[in-house]
Amino acid sequence: MVQKPKKMTRREKWVLSPYRLAHHPLCTKFDDHVYTIKGRKVCRGCLNLYSGMIFGLILAPIVVFVLHISFWIAFIATNSMFILTPISAFLKPPRWFKDISRFLLGIAMISAGLSVILAIVELTKGMDWGAFAVIIITLSVYFGSRAYFTRFRDRKNEQVCRNCEQFYHPRCEGMRSVVDKVKGLESLEKGDAFSEQ
C-alpha cells in the first residue's frame, strides 16, 4: 500500500520557496545579489544589512553607557556610515564595496535611532534647538532615502530583467523553479499525475 504524502502546512510551503530568502530571480544574471548557504540562495544585501543591525544593537549599549556619547556624535556617525549607500548606488563599485556599504547601513540605522533617542532625552532637560534639528534631519533622511533607494533599486533590478532575452517568456529560468515547485506542491496535495512526473 502506497502511503499518502503528508500535507504541507502553509508555513512549510512559505519556507520551501527558494525565492523567499533570495528576493531576486534565481538566475545567473542575479548571482552577485545572493550568497549560497548550504545550497539555499540568500539575499546578499539583506544578510549584510541585518548583520550590521545586529552589530549596531550590540554596540549601542557600549557607546551609550561606557563611552557616554552625545546625540551629536551619534548623528555624525550615522551620516558618515550612510554616505557609502548613495556612492554604491550611483557609481558601479566592486561587489565587496557594496557589501561593506550595506553592513554599515545596518549600523547606521541603529545609530540613527540612537541619535534620535539621545536627542529626545536632551530635549526633556529643556529646549535644545540642536537636538530638535537632529531629530527632524535624521527622520527626514531616513524616511526620504528609504523610499527613494527602494524605488531606485527596484528600477535597476527590473532593468536587468527587461534586458534579458527571456523577459517576455511566461516563466523565465530565474523564476521557473519557484513556479514549478508551487505547482508541484499543489499537485502533490491533489494526488494527480503531475506530482509523479
Protein backbone atom coordinates (compact mmCIF):
# COMPACT_ATOMS: atom_id res chain seq x y z
CA MET A 1 0.00 0.00 0.00
CA VAL A 2 1.39 3.40 -1.03
CA GLN A 3 1.49 5.83 1.84
CA LYS A 4 -0.15 9.16 1.07
CA PRO A 5 2.32 12.05 1.45
CA LYS A 6 1.83 14.30 4.46
CA LYS A 7 0.06 17.53 3.59
CA MET A 8 2.36 20.53 3.86
CA THR A 9 1.38 23.48 6.00
CA ARG A 10 1.30 26.99 4.55
CA ARG A 11 4.35 27.83 6.65
CA GLU A 12 6.31 24.89 5.21
CA LYS A 13 5.38 25.96 1.67
CA TRP A 14 6.47 29.51 2.51
CA VAL A 15 9.84 28.37 3.86
CA LEU A 16 10.49 25.95 1.00
CA SER A 17 10.16 28.59 -1.69
CA PRO A 18 13.72 29.15 -2.98
CA TYR A 19 12.80 32.70 -3.97
CA ARG A 20 11.71 33.55 -0.43
CA LEU A 21 15.15 34.34 1.01
CA ALA A 22 16.84 35.38 -2.23
CA HIS A 23 14.50 38.29 -3.16
CA HIS A 24 15.72 38.01 -6.76
CA PRO A 25 15.17 35.67 -9.70
CA LEU A 26 17.39 32.62 -9.26
CA CYS A 27 19.33 33.02 -12.49
CA THR A 28 22.92 33.82 -13.39
CA LYS A 29 22.09 37.50 -14.02
CA PHE A 30 21.45 37.91 -10.28
CA ASP A 31 24.21 35.62 -8.99
CA ASP A 32 26.10 38.56 -7.47
CA HIS A 33 22.96 39.52 -5.49
CA VAL A 34 22.89 36.32 -3.44
CA TYR A 35 25.02 34.16 -1.18
CA THR A 36 24.58 30.39 -1.44
CA ILE A 37 24.45 28.94 2.06
CA LYS A 38 24.06 25.15 2.33
CA GLY A 39 22.51 25.05 -1.11
CA ARG A 40 19.96 27.80 -0.40
CA LYS A 41 20.27 31.21 -2.04
CA VAL A 42 20.04 34.08 0.43
CA CYS A 43 19.79 37.78 -0.40
CA ARG A 44 23.27 39.25 -0.08
CA GLY A 45 22.13 42.80 0.64
CA CYS A 46 19.67 41.75 3.36
CA LEU A 47 22.17 39.45 5.06
CA ASN A 48 24.78 42.22 5.17
CA LEU A 49 22.22 44.82 6.31
CA TYR A 50 20.81 42.69 9.13
CA SER A 51 24.30 41.65 10.22
CA GLY A 52 25.13 45.35 10.52
CA MET A 53 21.96 45.99 12.50
CA ILE A 54 22.79 43.16 14.94
CA PHE A 55 26.33 44.52 15.32
CA GLY A 56 24.86 48.01 15.90
CA LEU A 57 22.49 46.69 18.58
CA ILE A 58 25.43 45.04 20.37
CA LEU A 59 27.49 48.24 20.07
CA ALA A 60 24.72 50.66 21.17
CA PRO A 61 24.78 49.99 24.95
CA ILE A 62 28.59 50.20 24.93
CA VAL A 63 28.70 53.63 23.27
CA VAL A 64 25.88 54.97 25.47
CA PHE A 65 26.73 53.59 28.91
CA VAL A 66 30.52 53.17 28.65
CA LEU A 67 31.61 55.89 26.21
CA HIS A 68 28.72 58.28 27.09
CA ILE A 69 28.44 59.69 23.56
CA SER A 70 26.19 62.66 22.84
CA PHE A 71 23.42 62.83 20.24
CA TRP A 72 25.80 64.90 18.06
CA ILE A 73 28.38 62.10 17.92
CA ALA A 74 25.66 59.54 17.08
CA PHE A 75 24.30 61.90 14.39
CA ILE A 76 27.74 62.40 12.80
CA ALA A 77 28.49 58.66 12.96
CA THR A 78 25.12 57.89 11.30
CA ASN A 79 25.73 60.20 8.37
CA SER A 80 29.37 59.10 7.99
CA MET A 81 28.30 55.47 7.59
CA PHE A 82 25.25 56.28 5.46
CA ILE A 83 27.24 58.22 2.84
CA LEU A 84 28.52 54.94 1.33
CA THR A 85 24.95 53.97 0.35
CA PRO A 86 24.45 56.63 -2.37
CA ILE A 87 28.04 56.07 -3.55
CA SER A 88 27.39 52.34 -4.03
CA ALA A 89 24.01 53.04 -5.66
CA PHE A 90 25.03 55.69 -8.22
CA LEU A 91 28.55 54.53 -9.04
CA LYS A 92 29.48 50.99 -10.01
CA PRO A 93 31.90 49.94 -7.27
CA PRO A 94 33.11 46.35 -6.79
CA ARG A 95 30.74 43.97 -5.02
CA TRP A 96 32.82 43.94 -1.81
CA PHE A 97 32.30 47.73 -1.53
CA LYS A 98 28.52 47.25 -1.80
CA ASP A 99 28.69 44.53 0.86
CA ILE A 100 30.54 46.88 3.24
CA SER A 101 28.14 49.76 2.49
CA ARG A 102 25.12 47.52 3.28
CA PHE A 103 26.76 46.35 6.53
CA LEU A 104 27.49 49.97 7.52
CA LEU A 105 23.95 50.96 6.53
CA GLY A 106 22.67 48.43 9.08
CA ILE A 107 24.85 50.01 11.77
CA ALA A 108 23.78 53.50 10.60
CA MET A 109 20.11 52.59 11.01
CA ILE A 110 20.70 51.65 14.65
CA SER A 111 22.86 54.75 15.08
CA ALA A 112 20.07 56.91 13.62
CA GLY A 113 17.61 55.53 16.15
CA LEU A 114 20.16 56.10 18.91
CA SER A 115 20.78 59.72 17.87
CA VAL A 116 17.01 60.40 17.92
CA ILE A 117 16.61 58.79 21.36
CA LEU A 118 19.58 60.72 22.80
CA ALA A 119 18.24 63.95 21.26
CA ILE A 120 14.82 63.34 22.83
CA VAL A 121 16.49 62.72 26.21
CA GLU A 122 18.32 66.05 25.76
CA LEU A 123 15.02 67.79 24.96
CA THR A 124 13.48 66.52 28.20
CA LYS A 125 16.08 68.61 30.05
CA GLY A 126 14.98 71.78 28.25
CA MET A 127 14.59 73.16 24.75
CA ASP A 128 17.68 72.48 22.65
CA TRP A 129 17.44 73.56 19.01
CA GLY A 130 20.39 71.36 18.07
CA ALA A 131 18.64 68.27 19.46
CA PHE A 132 15.42 69.28 17.72
CA ALA A 133 17.27 69.72 14.40
CA VAL A 134 18.96 66.33 14.76
CA ILE A 135 15.58 64.62 15.24
CA ILE A 136 13.99 66.34 12.21
CA ILE A 137 17.02 65.81 9.92
CA THR A 138 17.54 62.18 10.97
CA LEU A 139 13.89 61.22 10.47
CA SER A 140 13.67 63.10 7.16
CA VAL A 141 16.84 61.50 5.79
CA TYR A 142 15.79 58.04 6.98
CA PHE A 143 12.27 58.01 5.52
CA GLY A 144 13.18 60.02 2.41
CA SER A 145 16.22 57.93 1.49
CA ARG A 146 14.44 54.66 2.27
CA ALA A 147 11.60 55.49 -0.14
CA TYR A 148 13.96 56.78 -2.83
CA PHE A 149 16.54 53.98 -2.72
CA THR A 150 13.88 51.24 -2.58
CA ARG A 151 12.37 52.57 -5.83
CA PHE A 152 15.85 53.10 -7.31
CA ARG A 153 16.93 49.52 -6.54
CA ASP A 154 13.65 48.10 -7.88
CA ARG A 155 14.09 50.00 -11.16
CA LYS A 156 17.68 48.75 -11.54
CA ASN A 157 16.64 45.15 -10.93
CA GLU A 158 13.71 45.47 -13.32
CA GLN A 159 16.06 46.80 -15.99
CA VAL A 160 18.18 43.65 -15.69
CA CYS A 161 15.05 41.57 -16.38
CA ARG A 162 13.88 43.84 -19.21
CA ASN A 163 17.25 43.46 -20.95
CA CYS A 164 17.06 39.68 -20.69
CA GLU A 165 16.09 37.63 -23.74
CA GLN A 166 13.61 35.69 -21.55
CA PHE A 167 11.74 38.77 -20.32
CA TYR A 168 8.63 38.06 -22.40
CA HIS A 169 8.54 34.36 -21.58
CA PRO A 170 5.70 33.29 -19.27
CA ARG A 171 8.32 31.82 -16.92
CA CYS A 172 11.97 32.72 -17.16
CA GLU A 173 14.77 30.44 -15.96
CA GLY A 174 15.17 32.53 -12.82
CA MET A 175 11.56 32.08 -11.73
CA ARG A 176 10.80 28.65 -13.16
CA SER A 177 11.97 26.65 -10.17
CA VAL A 178 9.71 28.64 -7.85
CA VAL A 179 6.63 28.33 -10.04
CA ASP A 180 7.23 24.64 -10.71
CA LYS A 181 7.73 23.94 -7.01
CA VAL A 182 4.43 25.63 -6.14
CA LYS A 183 2.61 23.73 -8.91
CA GLY A 184 4.29 20.52 -7.80
CA LEU A 185 3.21 21.00 -4.18
CA GLU A 186 -0.37 21.76 -5.23
CA SER A 187 -0.40 18.71 -7.48
CA LEU A 188 1.10 16.56 -4.75
CA GLU A 189 -1.72 17.55 -2.41
CA LYS A 190 -4.32 16.73 -5.08
CA GLY A 191 -2.54 13.45 -5.88
CA ASP A 192 -2.66 13.99 -9.63
CA ALA A 193 -0.24 12.80 -12.32
CA PHE A 194 1.91 15.97 -12.27
CA SER A 195 3.31 15.08 -8.84
CA GLU A 196 4.60 11.75 -10.18
CA GLN A 197 6.46 13.16 -13.18
